[in-house]
Amino acid sequence: MKKILLILSLIFMSITISGQSTPTTPIANAGVTAAGITYSYSENNTSIAISLAYNQALQQRVLNVVSANFPQFDGSQYVNDNSIYFESITTQGYSMKIELRLKNNVSSSNPDFQKAKSDVKKMYNEIYGL
């Protein structure tokens, strides 16, 4: 399962990187947390992609963390598609996909994008620590 998540996130990151003109050094890792959440995490300067898989016992705890960080999250999805970035959180069964992508022709140093990136990382770290 975690190999599939890692491969999917690397493919996503490769597509994202090939569409950007700025060279980046991507970060990618995958594993299982102490609580038993299988994750893959990929990041470069213009995007973050996170995939999570968890059991029924952990589902509510994960959803609580997401809701605390993104109050607009309705328990199954959240989408913020603005002129600076695209951000989405979707769940299906006992899995979750979190995506943040900078729009074309927007600087990766844009303060709104940096804030969104920080918020996603904060949420990821909280889920990782469950």
Foldseek 3Di string as FASTA:
>chain_A
DLVVQQVVVVVVVVVQQVVDPDDWDKDWDWDAAPQGKTKIWIDILFKIKMKIADDPVCLVVLLVLVCVLPVVDPSAKDWDDDQFWTWMWGDDDRMIMTMIGGDPPHDSPPPVNVVVVVSVVVSVVVSSVD
